[in-house]
Protein backbone atom coordinates (compact mmCIF):
# COMPACT_ATOMS: atom_id res chain seq x y z
CA MET A 1 14.58 76.14 -44.79
CA ARG A 2 13.16 78.74 -47.19
CA SER A 3 10.03 80.77 -46.45
CA ILE A 4 6.81 79.00 -47.30
CA THR A 5 3.82 80.39 -49.17
CA GLN A 6 0.24 80.22 -48.00
CA GLU A 7 -0.60 77.94 -50.91
CA GLU A 8 2.17 75.53 -49.90
CA MET A 9 0.83 75.49 -46.34
CA ARG A 10 -2.61 74.70 -47.72
CA GLN A 11 -1.13 71.70 -49.47
CA LEU A 12 0.54 70.53 -46.25
CA LEU A 13 -2.83 70.80 -44.47
CA SER A 14 -4.91 69.35 -47.28
CA ALA A 15 -6.46 66.54 -45.19
CA PRO A 16 -10.29 66.85 -45.05
CA LEU A 17 -10.25 66.94 -41.23
CA PHE A 18 -8.44 70.28 -41.19
CA HIS A 19 -11.01 71.80 -43.53
CA GLN A 20 -13.82 70.42 -41.36
CA ILE A 21 -12.25 72.03 -38.30
CA GLY A 22 -11.95 75.35 -40.12
CA GLN A 23 -15.53 75.21 -41.42
CA THR A 24 -16.81 74.47 -37.91
CA ALA A 25 -14.89 77.45 -36.52
CA ASP A 26 -16.25 79.68 -39.31
CA GLU A 27 -19.82 78.67 -38.53
CA MET A 28 -19.25 79.63 -34.89
CA GLY A 29 -17.55 82.91 -35.77
CA VAL A 30 -14.23 82.18 -34.04
CA GLU A 31 -10.60 81.99 -35.13
CA CYS A 32 -8.96 78.55 -35.05
CA TYR A 33 -5.31 77.60 -35.53
CA VAL A 34 -3.30 74.39 -35.58
CA VAL A 35 -0.27 75.09 -33.39
CA GLY A 36 2.87 73.75 -31.80
CA GLY A 37 4.46 70.36 -32.33
CA TYR A 38 2.26 69.30 -35.24
CA VAL A 39 3.28 72.38 -37.27
CA ARG A 40 6.92 71.91 -36.30
CA ASP A 41 6.85 68.27 -37.41
CA LEU A 42 5.26 69.21 -40.74
CA PHE A 43 8.39 71.16 -41.59
CA LEU A 44 10.68 68.47 -40.20
CA GLU A 45 8.75 65.82 -42.18
CA ARG A 46 8.22 63.81 -39.02
CA PRO A 47 4.98 61.80 -38.81
CA SER A 48 2.52 62.92 -36.15
CA LYS A 49 -1.08 62.03 -35.38
CA ASP A 50 -1.48 64.37 -32.40
CA ILE A 51 -2.87 67.75 -33.41
CA ASP A 52 -3.23 70.77 -31.12
CA CYS A 53 -5.75 73.45 -32.06
CA VAL A 54 -6.09 76.85 -30.38
CA VAL A 55 -9.42 78.64 -30.62
CA VAL A 56 -9.74 82.34 -29.87
CA GLY A 57 -12.85 81.59 -27.83
CA SER A 58 -14.11 78.29 -26.42
CA GLY A 59 -12.13 75.30 -27.63
CA ILE A 60 -14.64 72.96 -26.00
CA ARG A 61 -17.58 74.43 -27.95
CA VAL A 62 -15.74 74.02 -31.27
CA ALA A 63 -14.84 70.42 -30.38
CA GLU A 64 -18.48 69.64 -29.50
CA ALA A 65 -19.72 71.15 -32.76
CA LEU A 66 -17.08 69.24 -34.75
CA LYS A 67 -18.22 66.01 -33.08
CA GLU A 68 -21.76 66.66 -34.34
CA ARG A 69 -20.41 67.31 -37.82
CA LEU A 70 -18.31 64.11 -37.93
CA GLY A 71 -20.97 61.84 -36.44
CA SER A 72 -20.60 58.54 -34.58
CA LYS A 73 -17.11 57.76 -35.86
CA ALA A 74 -15.74 60.60 -33.75
CA HIS A 75 -15.20 60.18 -30.00
CA LEU A 76 -15.08 63.24 -27.77
CA SER A 77 -13.65 63.65 -24.26
CA VAL A 78 -14.17 66.96 -22.46
CA PHE A 79 -12.04 68.18 -19.56
CA ARG A 80 -13.89 71.25 -18.34
CA ASN A 81 -11.62 71.85 -15.35
CA PHE A 82 -8.75 72.38 -17.79
CA GLY A 83 -10.79 74.03 -20.52
CA THR A 84 -9.78 71.40 -23.08
CA ALA A 85 -11.42 68.76 -25.23
CA GLN A 86 -9.95 65.81 -27.11
CA LEU A 87 -11.51 64.40 -30.25
CA LYS A 88 -10.43 61.07 -31.73
CA PHE A 89 -11.26 60.43 -35.35
CA GLY A 90 -9.79 57.89 -37.77
CA GLY A 91 -6.62 57.23 -35.78
CA THR A 92 -5.97 60.95 -35.24
CA GLU A 93 -6.26 62.84 -31.95
CA VAL A 94 -7.10 66.54 -31.96
CA GLU A 95 -6.93 68.56 -28.76
CA PHE A 96 -8.83 71.85 -28.60
CA VAL A 97 -8.12 74.63 -26.13
CA GLY A 98 -9.04 78.27 -25.92
CA ALA A 99 -6.31 80.85 -26.40
CA ARG A 100 -5.00 81.86 -23.00
CA ARG A 101 -2.45 83.82 -21.09
CA GLU A 102 -0.69 82.43 -18.02
CA SER A 103 0.95 83.76 -14.86
CA TYR A 104 2.98 81.74 -12.38
CA SER A 105 3.85 81.81 -8.68
CA HIS A 106 7.43 81.02 -7.68
CA ASP A 107 6.68 77.77 -5.85
CA SER A 108 4.54 76.06 -8.49
CA ARG A 109 4.55 75.25 -12.19
CA LYS A 110 0.74 75.39 -12.26
CA PRO A 111 -0.22 78.71 -13.83
CA VAL A 112 -3.14 81.02 -13.24
CA VAL A 113 -4.93 80.88 -16.59
CA GLU A 114 -7.03 83.60 -18.21
CA ASP A 115 -8.63 83.95 -21.63
CA GLY A 116 -6.26 85.57 -24.09
CA THR A 117 -5.46 86.35 -27.69
CA LEU A 118 -3.55 84.17 -30.15
CA GLU A 119 -0.51 86.35 -29.44
CA ASP A 120 -0.84 85.68 -25.71
CA ASP A 121 -1.06 81.97 -26.40
CA LEU A 122 2.04 81.91 -28.61
CA ASP A 123 3.97 84.03 -26.09
CA ARG A 124 3.57 81.32 -23.44
CA ARG A 125 5.00 78.55 -25.68
CA ASP A 126 8.23 76.92 -24.56
CA PHE A 127 10.38 77.25 -27.70
CA THR A 128 10.29 79.22 -30.92
CA ILE A 129 10.00 76.04 -32.99
CA ASN A 130 6.84 75.19 -31.01
CA ALA A 131 5.35 78.68 -31.33
CA LEU A 132 4.28 78.28 -34.97
CA ALA A 133 0.58 78.50 -35.85
CA VAL A 134 -1.39 78.01 -39.06
CA CYS A 135 -4.88 79.46 -39.53
CA LEU A 136 -7.67 77.00 -40.41
CA ASN A 137 -10.43 79.55 -41.09
CA GLN A 138 -11.36 79.33 -44.76
CA SER A 139 -10.63 82.98 -45.61
CA ARG A 140 -7.06 82.68 -44.24
CA TYR A 141 -6.57 78.93 -44.63
CA GLY A 142 -2.85 78.04 -44.57
CA GLU A 143 -1.66 81.43 -43.29
CA LEU A 144 1.46 80.86 -41.15
CA ILE A 145 1.94 82.92 -37.98
CA ASP A 146 5.59 82.93 -36.93
CA ARG A 147 6.08 85.68 -34.31
CA PHE A 148 9.51 84.49 -33.13
CA ASP A 149 11.26 83.32 -36.32
CA GLY A 150 10.71 79.68 -35.38
CA LEU A 151 11.05 78.70 -39.04
CA LEU A 152 14.58 80.13 -39.11
CA ASP A 153 15.45 78.25 -35.92
CA LEU A 154 14.17 75.05 -37.53
CA GLU A 155 16.41 75.73 -40.50
CA ASP A 156 19.44 76.48 -38.31
CA GLY A 157 18.77 73.63 -35.87
CA ILE A 158 18.42 75.91 -32.84
CA ILE A 159 16.48 75.50 -29.58
CA ALA A 160 15.58 78.93 -28.18
CA THR A 161 12.77 80.35 -26.06
CA PRO A 162 10.32 82.90 -27.50
CA LEU A 163 10.74 85.28 -24.55
CA ASP A 164 13.30 85.69 -21.74
CA PRO A 165 14.61 82.14 -21.07
CA ASP A 166 15.03 82.86 -17.35
CA ILE A 167 11.31 83.59 -17.09
CA THR A 168 10.41 80.66 -19.34
CA PHE A 169 12.38 78.17 -17.22
CA SER A 170 11.59 79.68 -13.84
CA ASP A 171 7.84 79.71 -14.60
CA ASP A 172 7.81 76.05 -15.62
CA PRO A 173 11.11 74.27 -14.82
CA LEU A 174 10.01 71.14 -16.70
CA ARG A 175 10.76 73.17 -19.82
CA MET A 176 14.46 72.74 -19.03
CA MET A 177 14.08 68.98 -19.46
CA ARG A 178 12.01 69.52 -22.61
CA CYS A 179 14.71 71.85 -23.96
CA ILE A 180 17.35 69.14 -23.57
CA ARG A 181 14.99 66.45 -24.82
CA PHE A 182 14.26 68.35 -28.06
CA ALA A 183 17.96 69.06 -28.55
CA THR A 184 18.62 65.33 -28.19
CA GLN A 185 15.76 64.04 -30.34
CA LEU A 186 16.26 66.58 -33.13
CA ARG A 187 20.05 66.88 -32.74
CA PHE A 188 19.67 70.67 -32.47
CA GLN A 189 21.98 73.11 -30.69
CA ILE A 190 20.73 75.00 -27.64
CA GLU A 191 21.07 78.74 -28.25
CA ASP A 192 23.73 80.36 -26.02
CA GLU A 193 21.43 82.57 -23.93
CA THR A 194 19.01 79.69 -23.45
CA GLN A 195 21.93 77.41 -22.44
CA GLU A 196 23.12 79.90 -19.85
CA ALA A 197 19.60 80.20 -18.43
CA LEU A 198 19.51 76.41 -17.94
CA GLY A 199 22.44 76.72 -15.54
CA ARG A 200 20.97 79.70 -13.70
CA ASN A 201 17.64 77.96 -13.17
CA ALA A 202 18.70 74.35 -12.63
CA GLU A 203 17.74 74.36 -8.94
CA ARG A 204 14.14 75.13 -9.92
CA ILE A 205 13.80 71.52 -11.15
CA LYS A 206 13.23 70.56 -7.49
CA ILE A 207 9.59 71.69 -7.67
CA ILE A 208 8.84 69.25 -10.52
CA SER A 209 7.45 65.81 -9.74
CA ARG A 210 9.77 62.88 -10.29
CA GLU A 211 7.19 61.26 -12.56
CA ARG A 212 7.32 64.20 -14.98
CA ILE A 213 11.12 64.27 -14.90
CA ALA A 214 11.31 60.49 -15.50
CA ASP A 215 8.98 60.83 -18.48
CA GLU A 216 11.35 63.32 -20.11
CA LEU A 217 14.37 61.18 -19.16
CA ASN A 218 12.80 58.17 -20.86
CA LYS A 219 12.27 60.16 -24.04
CA ILE A 220 15.91 61.23 -23.97
CA MET A 221 16.95 57.61 -23.39
CA LEU A 222 14.98 56.46 -26.45
CA SER A 223 16.62 59.04 -28.72
CA PRO A 224 19.06 57.80 -31.40
CA ILE A 225 22.05 59.33 -29.54
CA PRO A 226 20.97 59.63 -25.89
CA SER A 227 24.41 60.80 -24.73
CA ILE A 228 23.63 64.25 -26.15
CA GLY A 229 20.99 64.80 -23.48
CA PHE A 230 23.11 63.56 -20.58
CA ILE A 231 26.06 65.73 -21.58
CA GLU A 232 23.73 68.75 -21.72
CA MET A 233 22.23 67.89 -18.31
CA GLN A 234 25.72 67.53 -16.82
CA ARG A 235 26.85 70.77 -18.43
CA CYS A 236 24.06 72.87 -16.91
CA GLY A 237 23.96 71.19 -13.50
CA LEU A 238 20.65 69.37 -13.86
CA LEU A 239 22.14 65.87 -13.79
CA SER A 240 23.58 66.20 -10.28
CA LEU A 241 20.11 67.20 -9.06
CA ILE A 242 18.24 64.43 -10.90
CA LEU A 243 20.67 61.50 -11.14
CA PRO A 244 23.63 62.27 -8.85
CA GLU A 245 24.80 58.67 -9.23
CA ILE A 246 25.51 59.32 -12.92
CA ALA A 247 26.95 62.81 -12.40
CA ALA A 248 29.39 61.34 -9.85
CA LEU A 249 30.98 59.16 -12.54
CA GLU A 250 32.69 62.14 -14.21
CA GLY A 251 36.33 62.81 -13.59
CA VAL A 252 39.75 61.21 -13.79
CA GLU A 253 42.17 60.75 -10.88
CA VAL A 254 45.89 60.26 -11.45
CA ARG A 255 48.35 58.63 -9.07
CA GLN A 256 51.96 57.78 -9.81
CA GLY A 257 51.31 58.65 -13.43
CA ARG A 258 48.43 56.16 -13.72
CA ALA A 259 44.88 57.31 -14.46
CA HIS A 260 41.58 55.50 -14.68
CA LYS A 261 39.17 56.24 -17.52
CA ASP A 262 36.42 58.84 -17.14
CA ASN A 263 33.52 56.57 -16.24
CA PHE A 264 30.91 59.21 -17.10
CA TYR A 265 31.91 59.42 -20.76
CA HIS A 266 32.55 55.68 -20.87
CA THR A 267 28.99 55.09 -19.61
CA LEU A 268 27.55 57.39 -22.27
CA GLU A 269 29.57 55.61 -24.95
CA VAL A 270 28.13 52.29 -23.76
CA LEU A 271 24.62 53.79 -23.80
CA ASP A 272 25.07 55.04 -27.37
CA ASN A 273 26.51 51.67 -28.41
CA VAL A 274 23.42 49.90 -27.07
CA ALA A 275 21.14 52.38 -28.86
CA ARG A 276 23.04 51.78 -32.09
CA ALA A 277 22.86 48.00 -31.68
CA GLN A 278 19.12 48.14 -31.00
CA ASP A 279 18.52 49.94 -34.28
CA GLY A 280 19.00 46.62 -36.05
CA THR A 281 16.45 44.76 -33.90
CA ASP A 282 12.66 44.58 -33.85
CA ALA A 283 12.43 45.30 -30.10
CA ASP A 284 9.67 47.71 -29.10
CA ASP A 285 10.34 50.91 -27.14
CA GLU A 286 9.50 49.24 -23.82
CA LYS A 287 12.20 46.62 -24.30
CA ARG A 288 14.68 49.13 -25.70
CA LEU A 289 14.16 51.49 -22.77
CA TRP A 290 15.06 49.17 -19.90
CA LEU A 291 18.17 47.81 -21.60
CA ARG A 292 19.27 51.42 -22.03
CA TRP A 293 18.62 52.04 -18.32
CA ALA A 294 20.82 49.04 -17.58
CA ALA A 295 23.53 50.54 -19.80
CA LEU A 296 23.24 53.90 -18.04
CA LEU A 297 23.46 52.33 -14.58
CA HIS A 298 25.91 49.50 -15.22
CA ASP A 299 28.89 51.29 -13.61
CA ILE A 300 27.17 53.39 -10.92
CA GLY A 301 28.96 51.35 -8.25
CA LYS A 302 32.39 52.51 -9.38
CA PRO A 303 32.70 55.75 -7.34
CA ARG A 304 31.94 53.79 -4.14
CA THR A 305 34.37 50.97 -4.93
CA LYS A 306 37.30 52.92 -6.38
CA ARG A 307 40.57 52.00 -4.68
CA TRP A 308 44.26 52.57 -5.36
CA GLU A 309 46.51 49.52 -5.06
CA ASN A 310 50.24 50.08 -5.35
CA ALA A 311 50.70 46.80 -7.18
CA GLY A 312 47.78 47.00 -9.57
CA GLY A 313 46.77 50.65 -9.82
CA TRP A 314 43.12 51.69 -9.80
CA THR A 315 40.55 49.02 -9.03
CA PHE A 316 36.75 48.88 -8.81
CA HIS A 317 36.28 45.47 -7.20
CA ASN A 318 32.65 44.32 -6.86
CA HIS A 319 31.33 47.49 -8.48
CA ASN A 320 28.70 45.37 -10.25
CA TYR A 321 27.39 44.04 -6.91
CA VAL A 322 27.43 47.49 -5.28
CA GLY A 323 25.81 48.96 -8.39
CA ARG A 324 23.00 46.43 -8.29
CA LYS A 325 22.21 47.48 -4.70
CA MET A 326 21.98 51.11 -5.84
CA VAL A 327 19.42 50.48 -8.59
CA ALA A 328 16.30 49.95 -6.45
CA PRO A 329 16.74 53.14 -4.35
CA LEU A 330 17.26 55.10 -7.56
CA PHE A 331 14.12 53.59 -9.13
CA ARG A 332 12.09 54.39 -6.00
CA ARG A 333 13.33 57.98 -5.92
CA MET A 334 12.59 58.52 -9.62
CA LYS A 335 9.17 56.82 -9.38
CA LEU A 336 10.27 54.23 -11.94
CA PRO A 337 8.48 50.85 -11.93
CA LEU A 338 9.30 48.54 -9.02
CA ASP A 339 8.32 45.35 -10.82
CA GLU A 340 9.96 42.94 -13.25
CA ARG A 341 11.55 45.91 -15.07
CA LEU A 342 13.50 46.81 -11.93
CA ALA A 343 14.53 43.17 -11.51
CA TYR A 344 15.69 43.09 -15.14
CA VAL A 345 17.89 46.18 -14.73
CA GLU A 346 19.28 44.88 -11.43
CA LYS A 347 20.16 41.55 -13.05
CA LEU A 348 21.99 43.12 -15.98
CA VAL A 349 23.92 45.54 -13.75
CA ASP A 350 24.95 42.60 -11.53
CA LEU A 351 25.95 40.30 -14.40
CA HIS A 352 27.49 42.78 -16.81
CA MET A 353 31.06 41.79 -15.91
CA ARG A 354 30.53 38.06 -16.31
CA PRO A 355 30.75 37.72 -20.12
CA ILE A 356 33.76 40.04 -20.12
CA VAL A 357 35.56 37.88 -17.54
CA ILE A 358 34.74 34.77 -19.58
CA ALA A 359 35.89 36.36 -22.83
CA ASP A 360 39.15 37.50 -21.23
CA ASP A 361 40.06 33.93 -20.30
CA VAL A 362 39.65 30.43 -21.73
CA VAL A 363 36.02 30.14 -22.85
CA THR A 364 34.89 26.92 -21.16
CA ASP A 365 31.54 25.15 -21.38
CA SER A 366 31.20 25.32 -17.60
CA ALA A 367 31.64 29.09 -17.42
CA VAL A 368 29.24 29.70 -20.32
CA ARG A 369 26.68 27.30 -18.82
CA ARG A 370 26.76 29.19 -15.51
CA LEU A 371 26.28 32.47 -17.37
CA LEU A 372 23.33 31.06 -19.29
CA PHE A 373 21.69 29.70 -16.14
CA GLU A 374 21.97 33.02 -14.33
CA ALA A 375 20.93 35.27 -17.22
CA GLY A 376 18.06 33.04 -18.36
CA GLU A 377 15.72 34.73 -20.85
CA ASP A 378 17.82 37.91 -20.73
CA ILE A 379 21.03 36.37 -22.05
CA ASP A 380 20.82 38.08 -25.46
CA ASP A 381 20.32 41.51 -23.85
CA LEU A 382 23.20 40.86 -21.46
CA MET A 383 25.48 39.97 -24.35
CA MET A 384 24.43 43.12 -26.23
CA LEU A 385 25.21 45.22 -23.15
CA CYS A 386 28.58 43.57 -22.63
CA GLU A 387 29.66 43.97 -26.23
CA ALA A 388 28.64 47.64 -25.99
CA ASP A 389 30.82 47.88 -22.86
CA ILE A 390 34.00 47.17 -24.84
CA THR A 391 35.12 50.76 -25.43
CA SER A 392 38.88 50.22 -25.24
CA LYS A 393 40.93 52.53 -27.47
CA ASN A 394 43.43 49.68 -27.86
CA GLN A 395 42.11 48.26 -31.11
CA GLN A 396 44.03 44.98 -30.81
CA ARG A 397 42.61 44.31 -27.34
CA LYS A 398 39.15 45.35 -28.50
CA ARG A 399 39.31 42.90 -31.43
CA GLN A 400 40.46 40.15 -29.06
CA PHE A 401 37.48 40.74 -26.75
CA LEU A 402 34.99 40.79 -29.62
CA ASP A 403 36.50 37.62 -31.13
CA ASN A 404 36.17 35.89 -27.77
CA PHE A 405 32.60 37.16 -27.46
CA ARG A 406 31.84 35.41 -30.73
CA MET A 407 33.13 32.20 -29.16
CA VAL A 408 30.92 32.80 -26.11
CA ARG A 409 27.90 33.30 -28.39
CA GLU A 410 28.70 30.08 -30.29
CA LYS A 411 28.90 28.10 -27.05
CA LEU A 412 25.68 29.71 -25.86
CA ALA A 413 23.92 28.65 -29.04
CA ASP A 414 25.28 25.10 -28.69
CA LEU A 415 24.14 24.78 -25.06
CA GLN A 416 20.74 26.23 -25.85
CA ALA A 417 20.32 23.66 -28.61
CA ARG A 418 21.05 20.84 -26.15
CA ASP A 419 18.80 21.96 -23.32
CA ASN A 420 16.39 24.73 -22.41
CA TYR A 421 18.70 26.49 -20.01
CA ARG A 422 16.94 29.86 -20.32
CA THR A 423 14.15 28.68 -18.04
CA TRP A 424 16.27 26.40 -15.87
CA THR A 425 15.04 25.41 -12.42
CA ASN A 426 16.70 23.14 -9.89
CA PRO A 427 15.60 19.52 -10.52
CA VAL A 428 15.45 18.96 -6.76
CA THR A 429 13.11 21.28 -4.87
CA GLY A 430 13.39 22.39 -1.28
CA GLU A 431 10.10 20.64 -0.48
CA GLU A 432 11.45 17.33 -1.80
CA ILE A 433 14.61 17.65 0.29
CA MET A 434 12.61 18.38 3.45
CA GLN A 435 10.26 15.44 2.86
CA THR A 436 13.09 13.04 2.06
CA LEU A 437 15.30 14.01 4.98
CA GLY A 438 12.53 14.83 7.44
CA LEU A 439 13.85 18.35 7.96
CA PRO A 440 12.00 21.59 8.74
CA PRO A 441 12.86 24.73 6.76
CA CYS A 442 16.49 25.47 7.63
CA ARG A 443 19.84 26.67 6.29
CA GLN A 444 20.90 23.15 5.29
CA ILE A 445 18.14 23.01 2.65
CA GLY A 446 19.65 26.00 0.86
CA ILE A 447 23.15 24.53 1.12
CA LEU A 448 22.00 21.29 -0.52
CA LYS A 449 20.11 23.10 -3.30
CA GLN A 450 23.17 25.25 -4.00
CA ALA A 451 25.42 22.16 -4.09
CA VAL A 452 23.14 20.53 -6.69
CA LYS A 453 23.03 23.72 -8.74
CA ASP A 454 26.81 24.12 -8.68
CA ALA A 455 27.31 20.49 -9.69
CA ILE A 456 25.02 20.85 -12.71
CA TRP A 457 26.46 24.22 -13.71
CA ASP A 458 29.99 22.84 -13.49
CA SER A 459 29.06 19.74 -15.54
CA LEU A 460 29.80 17.35 -12.66
CA ILE A 461 26.37 15.73 -13.06
CA PRO A 462 23.71 15.74 -15.81
CA ASN A 463 20.87 18.24 -15.72
CA ASP A 464 18.16 15.73 -14.73
CA HIS A 465 16.25 14.79 -11.60
CA ASP A 466 17.67 11.36 -10.85
CA ALA A 467 21.30 12.45 -11.05
CA ALA A 468 20.54 15.59 -9.06
CA PHE A 469 18.68 13.61 -6.37
CA GLU A 470 21.51 11.09 -6.03
CA TYR A 471 24.05 13.91 -5.72
CA MET A 472 21.88 15.65 -3.10
CA MET A 473 21.72 12.47 -1.01
CA LYS A 474 25.49 12.08 -1.22
CA LYS A 475 25.98 15.64 0.02
CA ALA A 476 23.40 15.12 2.76
CA GLU A 477 25.33 12.11 3.98
CA GLU A 478 28.57 14.12 4.03
CA MET A 479 26.76 16.73 6.13
CA GLY A 480 25.53 14.09 8.57
CA LEU A 481 21.89 14.69 7.66
CA LEU A 482 21.03 11.04 6.93
CA SER A 483 21.45 9.94 10.54
CA SER A 484 18.03 11.35 11.45
CA ILE A 485 16.45 9.06 8.81
CA HIS A 486 18.33 5.97 10.04
CA ASN A 487 17.57 6.72 13.70
CA SER A 488 13.86 7.14 12.97
């Protein structure tokens, strides 16, 4: 990336709003700069509507004066406790803050803040590529301030801190997650000294709230190649502190010359495969995110279920069931949502082996129908996850699986055309069974409902009420439950 002239910067900041900000600052006799991520993204040609402005003076006063200049179409929010103000105008958000210097105590990431110079403000920035500033005052409009060669780091694709990285990360350990997140989103390399400081300061992440960590994790997950971030976290020791269930997947054990695959790198390959597959869909970030969480967690039960069997080698029996049980505690610890999004991830972790088992055998209507009943509305996501899970290096076996998956998809489409299995419910309810048989709530009700469900799923009876009711009564008679009706 070549050096840029002041005139070229003026062209990049030619929008009327920037000139209005600069004119307002001039009228108040203060310096004003657009800083940070917005400037970085200008050079990277990434769209951004969030603008940060630093005022050498009161950012709130400039924001209030700009609101008067722009009139009723501008909406201003002032946060006096933080010394900031946010102005929304025409789909753009501008945050104003006064230039400041910061000092930290060892047990908190909340700094003591004092008024400072522009240089003080740029010194406290997390990375050189975020420490760029452009003057908006009319006499210096478009002048670029680049104290730490951030423009060169943008050109070289480098993530580095402006000052000593140990101080940067120790002062605010969340910056370690941001470092890895930027490296993942931008596909940049972390500079060697900065990388080493990540390892030295990893333990400091313990003072950061789980909500803030999860927010950065989600941004890493939504990157085009999320594995980059998880490899970096594993490399510096952060992953074992944040998601030990994922860190524990790494490693290969060999017995009698037989090794299992490294489930850490397999998991990341599956995660990247899902991300790649989602690129061709119109799913929003919310939907993309939780399928990626399911991909990340689909094998977390493997370390707990790993066994060596002399006859068969390494096994991970029931790892999907064990993994499902591990999802909720992980979500609670990471302050992730404990609602239908948790249930969705649990379901996909539990079911992720089912399509593979079907595709590895004769693809029968009965097996596909059971899969469709259990997956319901999430069947397409489950199939995407399972196809992403085929990472075999044996190309012939991989082709066989994918060919069989196509057969599974064809049968799914055929069954869906015949009946609305996605929203299937048992034709015979527990209440109806109790009323018919004169039973209170008891274990036998569940047994009868399960028998009806199995019969429908295995194509023994049609998926309708009359057939289901008749089958239920037959089973009730076999269980000796009709005698109470006759005796009464």
